[in-house]
Amino acid sequence: MDNYLPFEEVRQAPEFAAYYEAAGHFCLFLEESNGLTTSGFLNKARLHLLRLYAAALAMPAVDLQSNKEYEDKVSVDAFRAVLSSVAEQLDSARYYWHVFDPTDDLDTTPKCGDLLNDLGDIYKDLKNRLMLFSLDKEDCEEIARWNLKFDFDAHWGAHCINALSAMHFYLKK
């Protein structure tokens, strides 16, 4: 289990700065990558995901003190625009097969994965937290930092691993 650090310690941690930077670069890449070939897009996306995953692993968890909740900040239209661009670049490399939980001996049924869903979920989690962080209020910062680690552990880390695996095999063809 993660060791939770006080907010002030995490605020100063170089690991947080590295994660924040990797998250920002990933989001910017998806927002601005237009017109790449499918293999060009997959190669660049794979590098961003690797950096992001490594940075998320290294980031310390925040001992959350605030109980405030904030609405997601990414607009529906902005999210759709990102997904549309990504879908174009994925082209026929969008779907793949995987086992949902490879550690569960009882569930070995293959599932159809979707790189657009993987990248979109990662983007949305990160972008919402980065936007919350940018509000420059201490409770927003604390909640954003806590969620950046929590979302990785509970949600997008699995999307990332599955996407990396699929990208590896698409690029190998």
N, C-alpha and C. Protein backbone atom coordinates (compact mmCIF):
# COMPACT_ATOMS: atom_id res chain seq x y z
N MET A 1 0.85 -1.19 0.00
CA MET A 1 0.00 0.00 0.00
C MET A 1 0.89 1.24 0.00
N ASP A 2 0.38 2.26 -0.61
CA ASP A 2 1.14 3.51 -0.69
C ASP A 2 1.32 4.13 0.68
N ASN A 3 2.44 4.80 0.84
CA ASN A 3 2.65 5.63 2.02
C ASN A 3 2.13 7.01 1.69
N TYR A 4 1.19 7.49 2.46
CA TYR A 4 0.62 8.80 2.21
C TYR A 4 1.45 9.86 2.91
N LEU A 5 1.81 10.89 2.15
CA LEU A 5 2.61 11.97 2.69
C LEU A 5 1.74 13.20 2.90
N PRO A 6 2.11 14.04 3.85
CA PRO A 6 1.39 15.30 4.02
C PRO A 6 1.46 16.12 2.73
N PHE A 7 0.41 16.87 2.49
CA PHE A 7 0.30 17.68 1.28
C PHE A 7 1.53 18.55 1.04
N GLU A 8 2.03 19.18 2.09
CA GLU A 8 3.19 20.08 1.93
C GLU A 8 4.42 19.34 1.42
N GLU A 9 4.59 18.09 1.85
CA GLU A 9 5.73 17.30 1.35
C GLU A 9 5.55 16.94 -0.11
N VAL A 10 4.35 16.54 -0.48
CA VAL A 10 4.08 16.17 -1.88
C VAL A 10 4.21 17.40 -2.76
N ARG A 11 3.79 18.54 -2.25
CA ARG A 11 3.86 19.79 -3.00
C ARG A 11 5.30 20.08 -3.42
N GLN A 12 6.25 19.72 -2.59
CA GLN A 12 7.67 19.98 -2.87
C GLN A 12 8.38 18.83 -3.59
N ALA A 13 7.72 17.71 -3.74
CA ALA A 13 8.36 16.51 -4.28
C ALA A 13 8.69 16.66 -5.77
N PRO A 14 9.93 16.39 -6.15
CA PRO A 14 10.29 16.45 -7.57
C PRO A 14 9.52 15.42 -8.40
N GLU A 15 9.09 14.35 -7.75
CA GLU A 15 8.30 13.32 -8.45
C GLU A 15 6.96 13.89 -8.91
N PHE A 16 6.40 14.78 -8.09
CA PHE A 16 5.14 15.39 -8.53
C PHE A 16 5.37 16.28 -9.74
N ALA A 17 6.44 17.05 -9.72
CA ALA A 17 6.74 17.93 -10.86
C ALA A 17 6.92 17.11 -12.13
N ALA A 18 7.58 15.97 -12.04
CA ALA A 18 7.79 15.10 -13.21
C ALA A 18 6.46 14.54 -13.71
N TYR A 19 5.59 14.14 -12.79
CA TYR A 19 4.28 13.61 -13.17
C TYR A 19 3.43 14.70 -13.81
N TYR A 20 3.41 15.85 -13.19
CA TYR A 20 2.63 16.98 -13.71
C TYR A 20 3.08 17.33 -15.14
N GLU A 21 4.39 17.34 -15.35
CA GLU A 21 4.92 17.65 -16.67
C GLU A 21 4.55 16.57 -17.68
N ALA A 22 4.68 15.31 -17.30
CA ALA A 22 4.33 14.20 -18.20
C ALA A 22 2.84 14.23 -18.54
N ALA A 23 2.00 14.52 -17.55
CA ALA A 23 0.56 14.60 -17.78
C ALA A 23 0.22 15.73 -18.73
N GLY A 24 0.84 16.88 -18.53
CA GLY A 24 0.61 18.02 -19.42
C GLY A 24 1.05 17.73 -20.84
N HIS A 25 2.20 17.09 -20.99
CA HIS A 25 2.69 16.76 -22.34
C HIS A 25 1.79 15.74 -23.03
N PHE A 26 1.30 14.76 -22.28
CA PHE A 26 0.39 13.77 -22.85
C PHE A 26 -0.89 14.45 -23.35
N CYS A 27 -1.48 15.29 -22.51
CA CYS A 27 -2.73 15.97 -22.90
C CYS A 27 -2.49 16.87 -24.11
N LEU A 28 -1.42 17.62 -24.10
CA LEU A 28 -1.08 18.49 -25.23
C LEU A 28 -0.87 17.68 -26.50
N PHE A 29 -0.21 16.54 -26.40
CA PHE A 29 0.01 15.68 -27.55
C PHE A 29 -1.33 15.27 -28.16
N LEU A 30 -2.27 14.81 -27.35
CA LEU A 30 -3.57 14.38 -27.89
C LEU A 30 -4.34 15.56 -28.47
N GLU A 31 -4.22 16.72 -27.85
CA GLU A 31 -4.94 17.90 -28.34
C GLU A 31 -4.38 18.43 -29.65
N GLU A 32 -3.08 18.27 -29.85
CA GLU A 32 -2.44 18.91 -31.00
C GLU A 32 -1.94 17.95 -32.07
N SER A 33 -2.07 16.66 -31.85
CA SER A 33 -1.57 15.72 -32.86
C SER A 33 -2.62 15.53 -33.94
N ASN A 34 -2.39 16.13 -35.05
CA ASN A 34 -3.28 15.99 -36.20
C ASN A 34 -2.46 15.59 -37.40
N GLY A 35 -3.04 14.75 -38.22
CA GLY A 35 -2.41 14.42 -39.49
C GLY A 35 -1.25 13.46 -39.42
N LEU A 36 -1.00 12.85 -38.27
CA LEU A 36 0.05 11.84 -38.21
C LEU A 36 -0.43 10.55 -38.85
N THR A 37 0.50 9.78 -39.36
CA THR A 37 0.13 8.44 -39.81
C THR A 37 -0.23 7.63 -38.58
N THR A 38 -0.88 6.52 -38.78
CA THR A 38 -1.24 5.67 -37.64
C THR A 38 0.01 5.22 -36.89
N SER A 39 1.02 4.76 -37.60
CA SER A 39 2.23 4.31 -36.91
C SER A 39 2.96 5.47 -36.25
N GLY A 40 2.97 6.64 -36.87
CA GLY A 40 3.57 7.81 -36.24
C GLY A 40 2.85 8.19 -34.96
N PHE A 41 1.53 8.16 -35.00
CA PHE A 41 0.74 8.47 -33.82
C PHE A 41 0.99 7.44 -32.72
N LEU A 42 0.96 6.15 -33.07
CA LEU A 42 1.16 5.11 -32.07
C LEU A 42 2.55 5.19 -31.43
N ASN A 43 3.56 5.47 -32.24
CA ASN A 43 4.92 5.60 -31.70
C ASN A 43 5.01 6.74 -30.69
N LYS A 44 4.46 7.89 -31.04
CA LYS A 44 4.52 9.04 -30.14
C LYS A 44 3.65 8.83 -28.90
N ALA A 45 2.46 8.27 -29.10
CA ALA A 45 1.57 8.01 -27.97
C ALA A 45 2.22 7.03 -27.00
N ARG A 46 2.88 6.03 -27.54
CA ARG A 46 3.54 5.02 -26.70
C ARG A 46 4.62 5.67 -25.82
N LEU A 47 5.40 6.56 -26.40
CA LEU A 47 6.44 7.25 -25.61
C LEU A 47 5.82 8.10 -24.50
N HIS A 48 4.75 8.81 -24.83
CA HIS A 48 4.07 9.63 -23.81
C HIS A 48 3.53 8.75 -22.69
N LEU A 49 2.91 7.62 -23.07
CA LEU A 49 2.34 6.73 -22.05
C LEU A 49 3.42 6.12 -21.16
N LEU A 50 4.54 5.77 -21.74
CA LEU A 50 5.62 5.20 -20.93
C LEU A 50 6.14 6.21 -19.91
N ARG A 51 6.34 7.45 -20.35
CA ARG A 51 6.80 8.50 -19.43
C ARG A 51 5.77 8.76 -18.33
N LEU A 52 4.53 8.81 -18.75
CA LEU A 52 3.44 9.08 -17.83
C LEU A 52 3.30 7.97 -16.79
N TYR A 53 3.37 6.73 -17.23
CA TYR A 53 3.23 5.59 -16.32
C TYR A 53 4.37 5.58 -15.30
N ALA A 54 5.59 5.78 -15.78
CA ALA A 54 6.74 5.80 -14.88
C ALA A 54 6.64 6.94 -13.88
N ALA A 55 6.20 8.10 -14.32
CA ALA A 55 6.06 9.25 -13.43
C ALA A 55 4.96 9.01 -12.39
N ALA A 56 3.86 8.40 -12.81
CA ALA A 56 2.76 8.12 -11.88
C ALA A 56 3.18 7.11 -10.81
N LEU A 57 3.98 6.13 -11.21
CA LEU A 57 4.48 5.15 -10.24
C LEU A 57 5.33 5.81 -9.16
N ALA A 58 6.13 6.77 -9.57
CA ALA A 58 7.07 7.41 -8.64
C ALA A 58 6.42 8.45 -7.75
N MET A 59 5.26 8.95 -8.14
CA MET A 59 4.64 10.04 -7.37
C MET A 59 4.12 9.55 -6.03
N PRO A 60 4.46 10.27 -4.96
CA PRO A 60 3.92 9.89 -3.64
C PRO A 60 2.43 10.22 -3.55
N ALA A 61 1.74 9.46 -2.73
CA ALA A 61 0.31 9.69 -2.50
C ALA A 61 0.13 10.78 -1.45
N VAL A 62 -0.90 11.57 -1.63
CA VAL A 62 -1.21 12.67 -0.71
C VAL A 62 -2.14 12.19 0.39
N ASP A 63 -1.85 12.61 1.60
CA ASP A 63 -2.76 12.39 2.72
C ASP A 63 -3.84 13.47 2.62
N LEU A 64 -4.95 13.13 2.03
CA LEU A 64 -6.01 14.09 1.72
C LEU A 64 -6.72 14.57 2.99
N GLN A 65 -6.78 15.88 3.15
CA GLN A 65 -7.45 16.48 4.30
C GLN A 65 -8.78 17.12 3.90
N SER A 66 -8.88 17.56 2.67
CA SER A 66 -10.09 18.25 2.20
C SER A 66 -11.15 17.23 1.80
N ASN A 67 -12.41 17.60 2.00
CA ASN A 67 -13.49 16.72 1.55
C ASN A 67 -14.36 17.41 0.50
N LYS A 68 -13.85 18.49 -0.08
CA LYS A 68 -14.59 19.19 -1.12
C LYS A 68 -14.61 18.37 -2.40
N GLU A 69 -15.66 18.56 -3.16
CA GLU A 69 -15.75 17.91 -4.47
C GLU A 69 -15.91 18.98 -5.53
N TYR A 70 -15.29 18.74 -6.66
CA TYR A 70 -15.36 19.67 -7.78
C TYR A 70 -15.84 18.95 -9.02
N GLU A 71 -16.62 19.65 -9.81
CA GLU A 71 -17.10 19.11 -11.08
C GLU A 71 -15.94 18.98 -12.06
N ASP A 72 -16.06 18.06 -13.01
CA ASP A 72 -15.07 17.96 -14.07
C ASP A 72 -15.05 19.25 -14.87
N LYS A 73 -13.87 19.61 -15.33
CA LYS A 73 -13.68 20.88 -16.01
C LYS A 73 -13.60 20.76 -17.53
N VAL A 74 -13.34 19.56 -18.05
CA VAL A 74 -13.21 19.37 -19.50
C VAL A 74 -14.60 19.46 -20.11
N SER A 75 -14.76 20.35 -21.08
CA SER A 75 -16.08 20.49 -21.71
C SER A 75 -16.33 19.31 -22.64
N VAL A 76 -17.58 18.99 -22.82
CA VAL A 76 -17.99 17.89 -23.69
C VAL A 76 -17.48 18.14 -25.11
N ASP A 77 -17.60 19.36 -25.60
CA ASP A 77 -17.16 19.68 -26.97
C ASP A 77 -15.65 19.53 -27.13
N ALA A 78 -14.89 19.99 -26.15
CA ALA A 78 -13.44 19.87 -26.22
C ALA A 78 -13.02 18.40 -26.19
N PHE A 79 -13.68 17.63 -25.35
CA PHE A 79 -13.37 16.19 -25.25
C PHE A 79 -13.70 15.48 -26.57
N ARG A 80 -14.84 15.79 -27.14
CA ARG A 80 -15.23 15.19 -28.43
C ARG A 80 -14.23 15.53 -29.53
N ALA A 81 -13.74 16.76 -29.53
CA ALA A 81 -12.76 17.18 -30.55
C ALA A 81 -11.47 16.36 -30.42
N VAL A 82 -11.02 16.15 -29.20
CA VAL A 82 -9.81 15.35 -28.98
C VAL A 82 -10.05 13.91 -29.44
N LEU A 83 -11.18 13.34 -29.05
CA LEU A 83 -11.49 11.97 -29.44
C LEU A 83 -11.59 11.82 -30.96
N SER A 84 -12.18 12.78 -31.60
CA SER A 84 -12.32 12.73 -33.06
C SER A 84 -10.95 12.70 -33.75
N SER A 85 -10.06 13.55 -33.31
CA SER A 85 -8.72 13.60 -33.87
C SER A 85 -7.96 12.30 -33.62
N VAL A 86 -8.06 11.79 -32.41
CA VAL A 86 -7.38 10.54 -32.05
C VAL A 86 -7.94 9.38 -32.87
N ALA A 87 -9.26 9.32 -33.02
CA ALA A 87 -9.89 8.24 -33.79
C ALA A 87 -9.39 8.23 -35.23
N GLU A 88 -9.27 9.41 -35.81
CA GLU A 88 -8.75 9.52 -37.18
C GLU A 88 -7.35 8.94 -37.30
N GLN A 89 -6.52 9.26 -36.34
CA GLN A 89 -5.13 8.82 -36.41
C GLN A 89 -4.97 7.34 -36.07
N LEU A 90 -5.85 6.81 -35.24
CA LEU A 90 -5.79 5.39 -34.93
C LEU A 90 -6.20 4.55 -36.14
N ASP A 91 -7.16 5.05 -36.89
CA ASP A 91 -7.65 4.37 -38.08
C ASP A 91 -7.99 2.92 -37.75
N SER A 92 -7.37 1.97 -38.41
CA SER A 92 -7.70 0.55 -38.21
C SER A 92 -6.97 -0.07 -37.02
N ALA A 93 -6.16 0.70 -36.32
CA ALA A 93 -5.42 0.19 -35.16
C ALA A 93 -6.15 0.52 -33.86
N ARG A 94 -7.44 0.58 -33.92
CA ARG A 94 -8.20 1.02 -32.75
C ARG A 94 -8.54 -0.12 -31.78
N TYR A 95 -8.93 -1.27 -32.28
CA TYR A 95 -9.43 -2.35 -31.42
C TYR A 95 -8.38 -3.44 -31.24
N TYR A 96 -8.44 -4.10 -30.09
CA TYR A 96 -7.51 -5.18 -29.77
C TYR A 96 -8.18 -6.12 -28.77
N TRP A 97 -7.57 -7.28 -28.58
CA TRP A 97 -8.10 -8.27 -27.64
C TRP A 97 -7.19 -8.39 -26.43
N HIS A 98 -7.78 -8.57 -25.27
CA HIS A 98 -7.02 -8.77 -24.04
C HIS A 98 -7.89 -9.48 -23.01
N VAL A 99 -7.26 -9.96 -21.96
CA VAL A 99 -7.98 -10.52 -20.82
C VAL A 99 -8.09 -9.41 -19.79
N PHE A 100 -9.30 -9.17 -19.30
CA PHE A 100 -9.54 -8.03 -18.42
C PHE A 100 -8.60 -8.02 -17.23
N ASP A 101 -8.53 -9.12 -16.51
CA ASP A 101 -7.62 -9.21 -15.36
C ASP A 101 -6.76 -10.45 -15.54
N PRO A 102 -5.54 -10.30 -16.02
CA PRO A 102 -4.71 -11.47 -16.30
C PRO A 102 -4.30 -12.25 -15.06
N THR A 103 -4.61 -11.75 -13.88
CA THR A 103 -4.28 -12.47 -12.65
C THR A 103 -5.46 -13.29 -12.12
N ASP A 104 -6.60 -13.21 -12.78
CA ASP A 104 -7.80 -13.93 -12.35
C ASP A 104 -7.93 -15.22 -13.15
N ASP A 105 -7.61 -16.34 -12.52
CA ASP A 105 -7.66 -17.64 -13.20
C ASP A 105 -9.07 -18.03 -13.63
N LEU A 106 -10.09 -17.45 -13.03
CA LEU A 106 -11.47 -17.81 -13.35
C LEU A 106 -12.05 -16.99 -14.49
N ASP A 107 -11.41 -15.89 -14.84
CA ASP A 107 -11.91 -15.04 -15.93
C ASP A 107 -10.86 -14.97 -17.04
N THR A 108 -10.93 -15.92 -17.94
CA THR A 108 -9.96 -15.98 -19.04
C THR A 108 -10.59 -15.66 -20.38
N THR A 109 -11.80 -15.15 -20.35
CA THR A 109 -12.50 -14.80 -21.59
C THR A 109 -11.90 -13.53 -22.18
N PRO A 110 -11.46 -13.59 -23.44
CA PRO A 110 -10.92 -12.37 -24.06
C PRO A 110 -11.98 -11.29 -24.20
N LYS A 111 -11.54 -10.06 -24.03
CA LYS A 111 -12.41 -8.88 -24.18
C LYS A 111 -11.84 -8.01 -25.30
N CYS A 112 -12.73 -7.30 -25.97
CA CYS A 112 -12.29 -6.37 -27.01
C CYS A 112 -11.95 -5.04 -26.36
N GLY A 113 -10.70 -4.63 -26.51
CA GLY A 113 -10.26 -3.33 -26.01
C GLY A 113 -10.35 -2.29 -27.09
N ASP A 114 -10.30 -1.03 -26.71
CA ASP A 114 -10.46 0.09 -27.64
C ASP A 114 -9.43 1.16 -27.26
N LEU A 115 -8.44 1.35 -28.14
CA LEU A 115 -7.42 2.36 -27.87
C LEU A 115 -8.00 3.75 -27.73
N LEU A 116 -9.06 4.04 -28.47
CA LEU A 116 -9.69 5.36 -28.34
C LEU A 116 -10.25 5.53 -26.93
N ASN A 117 -10.90 4.51 -26.40
CA ASN A 117 -11.42 4.56 -25.04
C ASN A 117 -10.29 4.66 -24.03
N ASP A 118 -9.23 3.88 -24.23
CA ASP A 118 -8.09 3.93 -23.31
C ASP A 118 -7.49 5.33 -23.26
N LEU A 119 -7.13 5.85 -24.42
CA LEU A 119 -6.49 7.17 -24.48
C LEU A 119 -7.44 8.26 -24.01
N GLY A 120 -8.71 8.13 -24.37
CA GLY A 120 -9.71 9.12 -23.95
C GLY A 120 -9.90 9.14 -22.44
N ASP A 121 -9.97 7.97 -21.81
CA ASP A 121 -10.13 7.91 -20.36
C ASP A 121 -8.92 8.47 -19.63
N ILE A 122 -7.72 8.13 -20.13
CA ILE A 122 -6.51 8.67 -19.51
C ILE A 122 -6.50 10.19 -19.65
N TYR A 123 -6.78 10.66 -20.85
CA TYR A 123 -6.80 12.10 -21.12
C TYR A 123 -7.78 12.81 -20.19
N LYS A 124 -9.00 12.29 -20.11
CA LYS A 124 -10.04 12.97 -19.33
C LYS A 124 -9.67 13.02 -17.85
N ASP A 125 -9.17 11.91 -17.31
CA ASP A 125 -8.74 11.91 -15.90
C ASP A 125 -7.66 12.96 -15.67
N LEU A 126 -6.64 12.94 -16.52
CA LEU A 126 -5.51 13.86 -16.33
C LEU A 126 -5.91 15.31 -16.57
N LYS A 127 -6.62 15.56 -17.64
CA LYS A 127 -6.97 16.94 -18.00
C LYS A 127 -7.84 17.58 -16.91
N ASN A 128 -8.80 16.82 -16.40
CA ASN A 128 -9.64 17.35 -15.32
C ASN A 128 -8.82 17.71 -14.09
N ARG A 129 -7.86 16.87 -13.73
CA ARG A 129 -7.03 17.16 -12.55
C ARG A 129 -6.10 18.33 -12.81
N LEU A 130 -5.54 18.41 -14.01
CA LEU A 130 -4.65 19.54 -14.33
C LEU A 130 -5.42 20.85 -14.31
N MET A 131 -6.65 20.82 -14.82
CA MET A 131 -7.46 22.03 -14.82
C MET A 131 -7.85 22.43 -13.40
N LEU A 132 -8.15 21.46 -12.57
CA LEU A 132 -8.46 21.75 -11.16
C LEU A 132 -7.23 22.33 -10.47
N PHE A 133 -6.09 21.73 -10.71
CA PHE A 133 -4.84 22.20 -10.13
C PHE A 133 -4.57 23.66 -10.51
N SER A 134 -4.89 24.00 -11.75
CA SER A 134 -4.60 25.36 -12.25
C SER A 134 -5.49 26.43 -11.64
N LEU A 135 -6.51 26.06 -10.87
CA LEU A 135 -7.35 27.06 -10.21
C LEU A 135 -6.58 27.79 -9.11
N ASP A 136 -5.44 27.24 -8.73
CA ASP A 136 -4.50 27.89 -7.81
C ASP A 136 -5.12 28.20 -6.45
N LYS A 137 -5.90 27.27 -5.94
CA LYS A 137 -6.41 27.35 -4.57
C LYS A 137 -5.85 26.13 -3.84
N GLU A 138 -5.48 26.31 -2.59
CA GLU A 138 -4.82 25.21 -1.89
C GLU A 138 -5.66 23.94 -1.86
N ASP A 139 -6.97 24.04 -1.59
CA ASP A 139 -7.77 22.81 -1.54
C ASP A 139 -7.88 22.17 -2.92
N CYS A 140 -7.93 22.98 -3.98
CA CYS A 140 -7.97 22.44 -5.34
C CYS A 140 -6.67 21.71 -5.66
N GLU A 141 -5.57 22.31 -5.24
CA GLU A 141 -4.25 21.69 -5.46
C GLU A 141 -4.16 20.35 -4.75
N GLU A 142 -4.58 20.34 -3.49
CA GLU A 142 -4.51 19.11 -2.70
C GLU A 142 -5.38 18.02 -3.32
N ILE A 143 -6.59 18.37 -3.67
CA ILE A 143 -7.51 17.39 -4.26
C ILE A 143 -7.01 16.91 -5.62
N ALA A 144 -6.50 17.83 -6.42
CA ALA A 144 -5.96 17.46 -7.73
C ALA A 144 -4.78 16.51 -7.58
N ARG A 145 -3.87 16.80 -6.67
CA ARG A 145 -2.71 15.92 -6.45
C ARG A 145 -3.15 14.54 -5.95
N TRP A 146 -4.10 14.53 -5.02
CA TRP A 146 -4.59 13.25 -4.51
C TRP A 146 -5.22 12.45 -5.64
N ASN A 147 -6.05 13.11 -6.45
CA ASN A 147 -6.73 12.41 -7.54
C ASN A 147 -5.78 11.96 -8.64
N LEU A 148 -4.72 12.70 -8.89
CA LEU A 148 -3.76 12.28 -9.90
C LEU A 148 -3.19 10.91 -9.55
N LYS A 149 -2.90 10.69 -8.30
CA LYS A 149 -2.38 9.38 -7.87
C LYS A 149 -3.50 8.34 -7.81
N PHE A 150 -4.63 8.72 -7.23
CA PHE A 150 -5.75 7.79 -7.10
C PHE A 150 -6.25 7.31 -8.46
N ASP A 151 -6.44 8.24 -9.39
CA ASP A 151 -6.94 7.87 -10.72
C ASP A 151 -6.01 6.89 -11.42
N PHE A 152 -4.71 7.09 -11.25
CA PHE A 152 -3.74 6.16 -11.82
C PHE A 152 -3.93 4.77 -11.21
N ASP A 153 -3.94 4.70 -9.90
CA ASP A 153 -4.05 3.41 -9.21
C ASP A 153 -5.38 2.71 -9.48
N ALA A 154 -6.46 3.48 -9.48
CA ALA A 154 -7.79 2.89 -9.55
C ALA A 154 -8.37 2.80 -10.96
N HIS A 155 -7.85 3.58 -11.90
CA HIS A 155 -8.51 3.64 -13.19
C HIS A 155 -7.58 3.57 -14.38
N TRP A 156 -6.84 4.64 -14.62
CA TRP A 156 -6.18 4.71 -15.92
C TRP A 156 -4.90 3.91 -16.04
N GLY A 157 -4.33 3.45 -14.93
CA GLY A 157 -3.13 2.61 -15.02
C GLY A 157 -3.38 1.36 -15.85
N ALA A 158 -4.52 0.72 -15.66
CA ALA A 158 -4.87 -0.47 -16.44
C ALA A 158 -5.10 -0.11 -17.91
N HIS A 159 -5.75 1.02 -18.17
CA HIS A 159 -5.93 1.47 -19.55
C HIS A 159 -4.57 1.67 -20.22
N CYS A 160 -3.64 2.23 -19.48
CA CYS A 160 -2.32 2.52 -20.00
C CYS A 160 -1.58 1.23 -20.38
N ILE A 161 -1.58 0.27 -19.47
CA ILE A 161 -0.89 -1.00 -19.72
C ILE A 161 -1.50 -1.71 -20.92
N ASN A 162 -2.82 -1.77 -20.99
CA ASN A 162 -3.48 -2.42 -22.12
C ASN A 162 -3.17 -1.70 -23.43
N ALA A 163 -3.19 -0.37 -23.40
CA ALA A 163 -2.89 0.41 -24.60
C ALA A 163 -1.45 0.18 -25.06
N LEU A 164 -0.52 0.18 -24.12
CA LEU A 164 0.88 -0.05 -24.47
C LEU A 164 1.08 -1.42 -25.11
N SER A 165 0.43 -2.41 -24.57
CA SER A 165 0.54 -3.76 -25.13
C SER A 165 -0.02 -3.79 -26.55
N ALA A 166 -1.19 -3.22 -26.74
CA ALA A 166 -1.80 -3.20 -28.08
C ALA A 166 -0.93 -2.42 -29.06
N MET A 167 -0.43 -1.27 -28.63
CA MET A 167 0.43 -0.45 -29.50
C MET A 167 1.69 -1.22 -29.91
N HIS A 168 2.26 -1.93 -28.96
CA HIS A 168 3.44 -2.73 -29.24
C HIS A 168 3.18 -3.70 -30.40
N PHE A 169 2.07 -4.40 -30.31
CA PHE A 169 1.77 -5.40 -31.35
C PHE A 169 1.36 -4.77 -32.67
N TYR A 170 0.62 -3.67 -32.61
CA TYR A 170 0.29 -2.98 -33.88
C TYR A 170 1.55 -2.48 -34.57
N LEU A 171 2.47 -1.94 -33.82
CA LEU A 171 3.69 -1.41 -34.41
C LEU A 171 4.64 -2.51 -34.88
N LYS A 172 4.50 -3.69 -34.31
CA LYS A 172 5.34 -4.82 -34.69
C LYS A 172 4.96 -5.38 -36.07
N LYS A 173 3.71 -5.16 -36.47
CA LYS A 173 3.20 -5.71 -37.75
C LYS A 173 3.93 -5.08 -38.92
